[in-house]
Amino acid sequence: MTTTAWEPIHGKPYRSVGYRPPRLPEQETLTTAATLRRRMEERRTVRQFSPDPVPAQAVRDAIAVAATAPSGAHQQPWTFVHVTDPDARRRIREAAEEEEREAYAGRLGDEWLEALRPLGTDEVKTHLTEAPHLIVVFQQRYYLAPDGSTRKHYYVNESVGIAVGMLLTALHLSGLAALIHTPSPMRFLGELLERPVNEKAFAVIPVGYPAPDCEVPDLTRKSLDQVMIEIGDAD
């Protein structure tokens, strides 16, 4: 299969191609949707990881899924840095814990700390070195051309947020556990990973298998009727 090399489409004339995906039989659609719902209801955020190796290709494929996300003006304003080097993961943990110590010491504020209490989190971030893979997601705040010229990106937060949601889904459906970690501030990630000036860290996602003694907070998700409003006569 041949692929066309990507290049920016900003300012180019509109072009279209046919799109005729196969339509599933109704029962297959219902079965697939119900299976996906059940599988995703099993997803939990994990902070205790096994050191067991994870196939790197499974992580790459999940990132490839994330990169199919829709984005503002199709500008695809994301970079996924896949980190497996133990020393790099150690340095990320050390820097993250330094920021987190200040945060939990009061920088977060009482209201935010109260919101975190049911989750049992603290400034110790063992998941950053226990998980065999880290995916550091960066948002490209603007396009930076090889010649140094720049161009604005649109709906960057929304676009990258959708991509991260698809990444978590792909990882979970591949049998892997993950965590969204957002130390604040995250400037150190760009410095440690030597990212260009147009990129801003969005999240750190440890990936691996849950530890044999893994525990998660005892939480309840909102029911469907608490999050969905239907207008119309859907059967």
C-alpha atoms as a PDB file:
ATOM      1  CA  MET A   1       0.000   0.000   0.000  1.00  0.00           C
ATOM      2  CA  THR A   2       1.381   3.386  -0.966  1.00  0.00           C
ATOM      3  CA  THR A   3       0.882   6.436   1.201  1.00  0.00           C
ATOM      4  CA  THR A   4       1.138  10.097   0.363  1.00  0.00           C
ATOM      5  CA  ALA A   5       3.638  12.095   2.401  1.00  0.00           C
ATOM      6  CA  TRP A   6       1.941  14.678   4.617  1.00  0.00           C
ATOM      7  CA  GLU A   7       2.305  18.351   3.912  1.00  0.00           C
ATOM      8  CA  PRO A   8       0.348  21.355   5.215  1.00  0.00           C
ATOM      9  CA  ILE A   9      -2.885  22.082   3.351  1.00  0.00           C
ATOM     10  CA  HIS A  10      -3.285  25.641   4.658  1.00  0.00           C
ATOM     11  CA  GLY A  11      -4.505  27.920   1.849  1.00  0.00           C
ATOM     12  CA  LYS A  12      -4.784  25.157  -0.735  1.00  0.00           C
ATOM     13  CA  PRO A  13      -7.994  24.769  -2.785  1.00  0.00           C
ATOM     14  CA  TYR A  14     -10.703  22.383  -1.616  1.00  0.00           C
ATOM     15  CA  ARG A  15     -10.399  18.856  -2.979  1.00  0.00           C
ATOM     16  CA  SER A  16     -12.595  15.860  -2.258  1.00  0.00           C
ATOM     17  CA  VAL A  17     -12.431  12.096  -2.592  1.00  0.00           C
ATOM     18  CA  GLY A  18     -15.168   9.519  -2.380  1.00  0.00           C
ATOM     19  CA  TYR A  19     -15.979   7.960   0.994  1.00  0.00           C
ATOM     20  CA  ARG A  20     -18.042   4.771   0.926  1.00  0.00           C
ATOM     21  CA  PRO A  21     -17.400   2.770   4.105  1.00  0.00           C
ATOM     22  CA  PRO A  22     -19.298  -0.511   4.292  1.00  0.00           C
ATOM     23  CA  ARG A  23     -22.545  -0.294   6.275  1.00  0.00           C
ATOM     24  CA  LEU A  24     -22.836  -2.966   8.942  1.00  0.00           C
ATOM     25  CA  PRO A  25     -26.046  -4.945   9.304  1.00  0.00           C
ATOM     26  CA  GLU A  26     -28.186  -3.443  12.061  1.00  0.00           C
ATOM     27  CA  GLN A  27     -27.696  -6.357  14.448  1.00  0.00           C
ATOM     28  CA  GLU A  28     -23.930  -6.226  14.000  1.00  0.00           C
ATOM     29  CA  THR A  29     -24.009  -2.499  14.742  1.00  0.00           C
ATOM     30  CA  LEU A  30     -25.966  -3.122  17.942  1.00  0.00           C
ATOM     31  CA  THR A  31     -23.718  -5.984  19.003  1.00  0.00           C
ATOM     32  CA  THR A  32     -20.546  -4.014  18.327  1.00  0.00           C
ATOM     33  CA  ALA A  33     -21.829  -0.961  20.208  1.00  0.00           C
ATOM     34  CA  ALA A  34     -22.883  -3.052  23.210  1.00  0.00           C
ATOM     35  CA  THR A  35     -19.529  -4.838  23.300  1.00  0.00           C
ATOM     36  CA  LEU A  36     -17.591  -1.581  23.154  1.00  0.00           C
ATOM     37  CA  ARG A  37     -19.761  -0.117  25.912  1.00  0.00           C
ATOM     38  CA  ARG A  38     -19.100  -3.136  28.137  1.00  0.00           C
ATOM     39  CA  ARG A  39     -15.364  -3.090  27.417  1.00  0.00           C
ATOM     40  CA  MET A  40     -15.019   0.619  28.125  1.00  0.00           C
ATOM     41  CA  GLU A  41     -17.031   0.368  31.347  1.00  0.00           C
ATOM     42  CA  GLU A  42     -14.173  -1.825  32.582  1.00  0.00           C
ATOM     43  CA  ARG A  43     -11.585   0.911  32.016  1.00  0.00           C
ATOM     44  CA  ARG A  44      -9.968   2.329  35.137  1.00  0.00           C
ATOM     45  CA  THR A  45      -7.168   4.763  35.764  1.00  0.00           C
ATOM     46  CA  VAL A  46      -4.210   2.795  37.147  1.00  0.00           C
ATOM     47  CA  ARG A  47      -1.404   4.131  39.318  1.00  0.00           C
ATOM     48  CA  GLN A  48       0.258   0.811  40.201  1.00  0.00           C
ATOM     49  CA  PHE A  49       2.013  -0.821  37.266  1.00  0.00           C
ATOM     50  CA  SER A  50       3.733  -4.133  36.712  1.00  0.00           C
ATOM     51  CA  PRO A  51       7.315  -3.939  35.397  1.00  0.00           C
ATOM     52  CA  ASP A  52       6.431  -6.649  32.860  1.00  0.00           C
ATOM     53  CA  PRO A  53       7.383  -5.622  29.325  1.00  0.00           C
ATOM     54  CA  VAL A  54       4.692  -4.385  26.955  1.00  0.00           C
ATOM     55  CA  PRO A  55       5.022  -4.853  23.178  1.00  0.00           C
ATOM     56  CA  ALA A  56       6.190  -1.494  21.872  1.00  0.00           C
ATOM     57  CA  GLN A  57       4.234  -1.986  18.658  1.00  0.00           C
ATOM     58  CA  ALA A  58       0.974  -2.069  20.623  1.00  0.00           C
ATOM     59  CA  VAL A  59       1.796   1.392  21.991  1.00  0.00           C
ATOM     60  CA  ARG A  60       2.781   2.658  18.542  1.00  0.00           C
ATOM     61  CA  ASP A  61      -0.493   1.363  17.094  1.00  0.00           C
ATOM     62  CA  ALA A  62      -2.475   3.099  19.850  1.00  0.00           C
ATOM     63  CA  ILE A  63      -0.674   6.366  19.053  1.00  0.00           C
ATOM     64  CA  ALA A  64      -1.482   5.826  15.368  1.00  0.00           C
ATOM     65  CA  VAL A  65      -5.156   5.482  16.343  1.00  0.00           C
ATOM     66  CA  ALA A  66      -4.956   8.733  18.329  1.00  0.00           C
ATOM     67  CA  ALA A  67      -3.458  10.478  15.313  1.00  0.00           C
ATOM     68  CA  THR A  68      -6.621   9.728  13.299  1.00  0.00           C
ATOM     69  CA  ALA A  69      -8.582  12.110  15.554  1.00  0.00           C
ATOM     70  CA  PRO A  70     -10.405  15.055  13.998  1.00  0.00           C
ATOM     71  CA  SER A  71      -8.713  18.406  14.436  1.00  0.00           C
ATOM     72  CA  GLY A  72      -9.408  22.062  13.777  1.00  0.00           C
ATOM     73  CA  ALA A  73      -8.838  22.774  10.068  1.00  0.00           C
ATOM     74  CA  HIS A  74      -7.145  19.347   9.891  1.00  0.00           C
ATOM     75  CA  GLN A  75      -3.982  20.860  11.344  1.00  0.00           C
ATOM     76  CA  GLN A  76      -3.280  17.812  13.564  1.00  0.00           C
ATOM     77  CA  PRO A  77      -1.617  19.909  16.281  1.00  0.00           C
ATOM     78  CA  TRP A  78      -0.092  17.084  18.317  1.00  0.00           C
ATOM     79  CA  THR A  79       3.170  15.306  18.994  1.00  0.00           C
ATOM     80  CA  PHE A  80       3.372  12.035  20.934  1.00  0.00           C
ATOM     81  CA  VAL A  81       6.779  11.378  22.503  1.00  0.00           C
ATOM     82  CA  HIS A  82       7.107   7.667  23.326  1.00  0.00           C
ATOM     83  CA  VAL A  83       9.598   7.236  26.175  1.00  0.00           C
ATOM     84  CA  THR A  84      10.953   3.840  27.233  1.00  0.00           C
ATOM     85  CA  ASP A  85      14.484   4.815  28.291  1.00  0.00           C
ATOM     86  CA  PRO A  86      14.742   4.200  32.082  1.00  0.00           C
ATOM     87  CA  ASP A  87      16.977   7.202  32.688  1.00  0.00           C
ATOM     88  CA  ALA A  88      14.632   9.538  30.830  1.00  0.00           C
ATOM     89  CA  ARG A  89      11.660   8.203  32.796  1.00  0.00           C
ATOM     90  CA  ARG A  90      13.617   8.709  36.043  1.00  0.00           C
ATOM     91  CA  ARG A  91      14.403  12.318  35.175  1.00  0.00           C
ATOM     92  CA  ILE A  92      10.767  12.968  34.265  1.00  0.00           C
ATOM     93  CA  ARG A  93       9.650  11.508  37.599  1.00  0.00           C
ATOM     94  CA  GLU A  94      12.148  13.569  39.602  1.00  0.00           C
ATOM     95  CA  ALA A  95      11.075  16.792  37.919  1.00  0.00           C
ATOM     96  CA  ALA A  96       7.373  15.943  38.211  1.00  0.00           C
ATOM     97  CA  GLU A  97       7.649  15.124  41.915  1.00  0.00           C
ATOM     98  CA  GLU A  98       9.445  18.406  42.562  1.00  0.00           C
ATOM     99  CA  GLU A  99       6.484  20.282  41.078  1.00  0.00           C
ATOM    100  CA  GLU A 100       3.968  18.047  42.843  1.00  0.00           C
ATOM    101  CA  ARG A 101       5.521  18.597  46.272  1.00  0.00           C
ATOM    102  CA  GLU A 102       4.887  22.313  45.923  1.00  0.00           C
ATOM    103  CA  ALA A 103       1.402  21.676  44.587  1.00  0.00           C
ATOM    104  CA  TYR A 104       0.336  19.408  47.436  1.00  0.00           C
ATOM    105  CA  ALA A 105       1.981  21.722  49.962  1.00  0.00           C
ATOM    106  CA  GLY A 106      -0.590  24.368  49.115  1.00  0.00           C
ATOM    107  CA  ARG A 107      -0.200  25.630  45.559  1.00  0.00           C
ATOM    108  CA  LEU A 108      -3.263  23.663  44.441  1.00  0.00           C
ATOM    109  CA  GLY A 109      -5.542  25.334  46.976  1.00  0.00           C
ATOM    110  CA  ASP A 110      -7.848  23.733  49.525  1.00  0.00           C
ATOM    111  CA  GLU A 111     -10.777  23.170  47.161  1.00  0.00           C
ATOM    112  CA  TRP A 112      -8.691  21.238  44.629  1.00  0.00           C
ATOM    113  CA  LEU A 113      -7.040  19.181  47.358  1.00  0.00           C
ATOM    114  CA  GLU A 114     -10.481  18.294  48.725  1.00  0.00           C
ATOM    115  CA  ALA A 115     -11.538  17.178  45.254  1.00  0.00           C
ATOM    116  CA  LEU A 116      -8.448  14.933  45.003  1.00  0.00           C
ATOM    117  CA  ARG A 117      -8.847  13.339  48.430  1.00  0.00           C
ATOM    118  CA  PRO A 118     -11.224  10.501  47.329  1.00  0.00           C
ATOM    119  CA  LEU A 119      -8.648   9.485  44.713  1.00  0.00           C
ATOM    120  CA  GLY A 120      -5.864   8.909  47.254  1.00  0.00           C
ATOM    121  CA  THR A 121      -3.231  10.764  45.241  1.00  0.00           C
ATOM    122  CA  ASP A 122      -0.142  12.487  46.604  1.00  0.00           C
ATOM    123  CA  GLU A 123       3.165  13.928  45.415  1.00  0.00           C
ATOM    124  CA  VAL A 124       4.825  10.501  45.003  1.00  0.00           C
ATOM    125  CA  LYS A 125       4.557   9.439  41.354  1.00  0.00           C
ATOM    126  CA  THR A 126       5.927   5.899  41.215  1.00  0.00           C
ATOM    127  CA  HIS A 127       3.935   5.213  38.047  1.00  0.00           C
ATOM    128  CA  LEU A 128       6.358   7.357  36.058  1.00  0.00           C
ATOM    129  CA  THR A 129       9.168   4.847  36.580  1.00  0.00           C
ATOM    130  CA  GLU A 130       7.193   1.649  37.207  1.00  0.00           C
ATOM    131  CA  ALA A 131       5.279   1.759  33.932  1.00  0.00           C
ATOM    132  CA  PRO A 132       7.528   0.518  31.105  1.00  0.00           C
ATOM    133  CA  HIS A 133       6.215   3.127  28.669  1.00  0.00           C
ATOM    134  CA  LEU A 134       5.462   6.838  28.918  1.00  0.00           C
ATOM    135  CA  ILE A 135       3.640   8.787  26.244  1.00  0.00           C
ATOM    136  CA  VAL A 136       4.207  12.511  26.648  1.00  0.00           C
ATOM    137  CA  VAL A 137       1.613  14.387  24.609  1.00  0.00           C
ATOM    138  CA  PHE A 138       2.463  17.852  23.327  1.00  0.00           C
ATOM    139  CA  GLN A 139       0.128  20.327  21.710  1.00  0.00           C
ATOM    140  CA  GLN A 140       1.536  22.325  18.833  1.00  0.00           C
ATOM    141  CA  ARG A 141       0.354  25.822  19.671  1.00  0.00           C
ATOM    142  CA  TYR A 142       1.206  26.997  16.162  1.00  0.00           C
ATOM    143  CA  TYR A 143       2.759  25.559  13.009  1.00  0.00           C
ATOM    144  CA  LEU A 144       6.510  26.021  12.826  1.00  0.00           C
ATOM    145  CA  ALA A 145       7.884  25.629   9.301  1.00  0.00           C
ATOM    146  CA  PRO A 146      11.439  24.437   8.578  1.00  0.00           C
ATOM    147  CA  ASP A 147      12.342  27.985   7.527  1.00  0.00           C
ATOM    148  CA  GLY A 148      11.205  29.346  10.914  1.00  0.00           C
ATOM    149  CA  SER A 149       7.964  30.918   9.706  1.00  0.00           C
ATOM    150  CA  THR A 150       4.841  30.315  11.781  1.00  0.00           C
ATOM    151  CA  ARG A 151       1.102  29.963  11.240  1.00  0.00           C
ATOM    152  CA  LYS A 152      -1.737  29.864  13.729  1.00  0.00           C
ATOM    153  CA  HIS A 153      -3.400  26.587  14.726  1.00  0.00           C
ATOM    154  CA  TYR A 154      -7.088  26.502  15.630  1.00  0.00           C
ATOM    155  CA  TYR A 155      -8.975  24.605  18.354  1.00  0.00           C
ATOM    156  CA  VAL A 156      -5.737  23.147  19.669  1.00  0.00           C
ATOM    157  CA  ASN A 157      -6.983  22.145  23.134  1.00  0.00           C
ATOM    158  CA  GLU A 158     -10.105  20.526  21.726  1.00  0.00           C
ATOM    159  CA  SER A 159      -8.198  18.663  19.016  1.00  0.00           C
ATOM    160  CA  VAL A 160      -5.523  17.296  21.329  1.00  0.00           C
ATOM    161  CA  GLY A 161      -8.122  16.390  23.953  1.00  0.00           C
ATOM    162  CA  ILE A 162     -10.046  14.287  21.432  1.00  0.00           C
ATOM    163  CA  ALA A 163      -6.821  12.568  20.338  1.00  0.00           C
ATOM    164  CA  VAL A 164      -5.920  11.719  23.934  1.00  0.00           C
ATOM    165  CA  GLY A 165      -9.377  10.250  24.497  1.00  0.00           C
ATOM    166  CA  MET A 166      -8.935   8.044  21.451  1.00  0.00           C
ATOM    167  CA  LEU A 167      -5.468   7.066  22.699  1.00  0.00           C
ATOM    168  CA  LEU A 168      -6.838   5.925  26.068  1.00  0.00           C
ATOM    169  CA  THR A 169      -9.566   3.956  24.309  1.00  0.00           C
ATOM    170  CA  ALA A 170      -7.099   2.219  21.997  1.00  0.00           C
ATOM    171  CA  LEU A 171      -4.783   1.343  24.899  1.00  0.00           C
ATOM    172  CA  HIS A 172      -7.624  -0.083  26.961  1.00  0.00           C
ATOM    173  CA  LEU A 173      -9.053  -2.146  24.104  1.00  0.00           C
ATOM    174  CA  SER A 174      -5.529  -3.504  23.555  1.00  0.00           C
ATOM    175  CA  GLY A 175      -5.487  -4.841  27.129  1.00  0.00           C
ATOM    176  CA  LEU A 176      -3.231  -2.118  28.531  1.00  0.00           C
ATOM    177  CA  ALA A 177      -3.680   0.202  31.486  1.00  0.00           C
ATOM    178  CA  ALA A 178      -2.940   3.915  31.489  1.00  0.00           C
ATOM    179  CA  LEU A 179      -3.116   7.091  33.529  1.00  0.00           C
ATOM    180  CA  ILE A 180      -3.484  10.753  32.612  1.00  0.00           C
ATOM    181  CA  HIS A 181      -0.887  12.689  34.599  1.00  0.00           C
ATOM    182  CA  THR A 182      -0.786  16.472  34.360  1.00  0.00           C
ATOM    183  CA  PRO A 183       1.858  17.889  36.704  1.00  0.00           C
ATOM    184  CA  SER A 184       1.580  21.642  36.995  1.00  0.00           C
ATOM    185  CA  PRO A 185       3.441  23.430  35.581  1.00  0.00           C
ATOM    186  CA  MET A 186       4.700  21.089  32.841  1.00  0.00           C
ATOM    187  CA  ARG A 187       7.336  23.282  31.222  1.00  0.00           C
ATOM    188  CA  PHE A 188      10.052  20.874  32.357  1.00  0.00           C
ATOM    189  CA  LEU A 189       8.792  18.210  29.942  1.00  0.00           C
ATOM    190  CA  GLY A 190       9.576  20.300  26.884  1.00  0.00           C
ATOM    191  CA  GLU A 191      13.023  21.048  28.264  1.00  0.00           C
ATOM    192  CA  LEU A 192      13.848  17.440  29.198  1.00  0.00           C
ATOM    193  CA  LEU A 193      12.601  16.062  25.898  1.00  0.00           C
ATOM    194  CA  GLU A 194      14.079  18.916  23.834  1.00  0.00           C
ATOM    195  CA  ARG A 195      10.855  19.839  22.088  1.00  0.00           C
ATOM    196  CA  PRO A 196      10.631  22.888  19.811  1.00  0.00           C
ATOM    197  CA  VAL A 197       9.293  26.214  21.037  1.00  0.00           C
ATOM    198  CA  ASN A 198       5.865  25.774  19.417  1.00  0.00           C
ATOM    199  CA  GLU A 199       5.082  22.693  21.518  1.00  0.00           C
ATOM    200  CA  LYS A 200       3.521  22.780  24.978  1.00  0.00           C
ATOM    201  CA  ALA A 201       3.137  19.689  27.185  1.00  0.00           C
ATOM    202  CA  PHE A 202      -0.460  18.514  27.477  1.00  0.00           C
ATOM    203  CA  ALA A 203      -0.250  15.271  29.490  1.00  0.00           C
ATOM    204  CA  VAL A 204       2.009  12.412  30.552  1.00  0.00           C
ATOM    205  CA  ILE A 205       0.474   8.962  30.064  1.00  0.00           C
ATOM    206  CA  PRO A 206       2.176   5.971  31.724  1.00  0.00           C
ATOM    207  CA  VAL A 207       1.292   2.707  29.954  1.00  0.00           C
ATOM    208  CA  GLY A 208       1.669  -0.887  31.068  1.00  0.00           C
ATOM    209  CA  TYR A 209      -0.071  -3.777  32.772  1.00  0.00           C
ATOM    210  CA  PRO A 210      -1.621  -3.312  36.219  1.00  0.00           C
ATOM    211  CA  ALA A 211       0.505  -4.596  39.092  1.00  0.00           C
ATOM    212  CA  PRO A 212      -0.662  -7.925  40.575  1.00  0.00           C
ATOM    213  CA  ASP A 213      -1.681  -6.095  43.776  1.00  0.00           C
ATOM    214  CA  CYS A 214      -3.126  -3.085  41.955  1.00  0.00           C
ATOM    215  CA  GLU A 215      -5.924  -1.214  43.703  1.00  0.00           C
ATOM    216  CA  VAL A 216      -8.068   1.638  42.410  1.00  0.00           C
ATOM    217  CA  PRO A 217     -10.368   4.095  44.200  1.00  0.00           C
ATOM    218  CA  ASP A 218     -13.874   2.846  44.984  1.00  0.00           C
ATOM    219  CA  LEU A 219     -15.749   5.133  42.602  1.00  0.00           C
ATOM    220  CA  THR A 220     -19.095   5.121  40.791  1.00  0.00           C
ATOM    221  CA  ARG A 221     -19.604   6.596  37.353  1.00  0.00           C
ATOM    222  CA  LYS A 222     -22.683   8.626  36.507  1.00  0.00           C
ATOM    223  CA  SER A 223     -25.407   6.550  34.869  1.00  0.00           C
ATOM    224  CA  LEU A 224     -26.379   7.110  31.233  1.00  0.00           C
ATOM    225  CA  ASP A 225     -29.563   8.961  32.168  1.00  0.00           C
ATOM    226  CA  GLN A 226     -27.474  11.369  34.254  1.00  0.00           C
ATOM    227  CA  VAL A 227     -25.208  12.355  31.369  1.00  0.00           C
ATOM    228  CA  MET A 228     -27.483  12.112  28.317  1.00  0.00           C
ATOM    229  CA  ILE A 229     -30.534  14.109  27.271  1.00  0.00           C
ATOM    230  CA  GLU A 230     -32.521  12.856  24.295  1.00  0.00           C
ATOM    231  CA  ILE A 231     -34.679  15.139  22.163  1.00  0.00           C
ATOM    232  CA  GLY A 232     -36.883  13.283  19.695  1.00  0.00           C
ATOM    233  CA  ASP A 233     -38.536   9.879  19.330  1.00  0.00           C
ATOM    234  CA  ALA A 234     -35.522   7.560  19.072  1.00  0.00           C
ATOM    235  CA  ASP A 235     -36.609   3.925  19.341  1.00  0.00           C
END
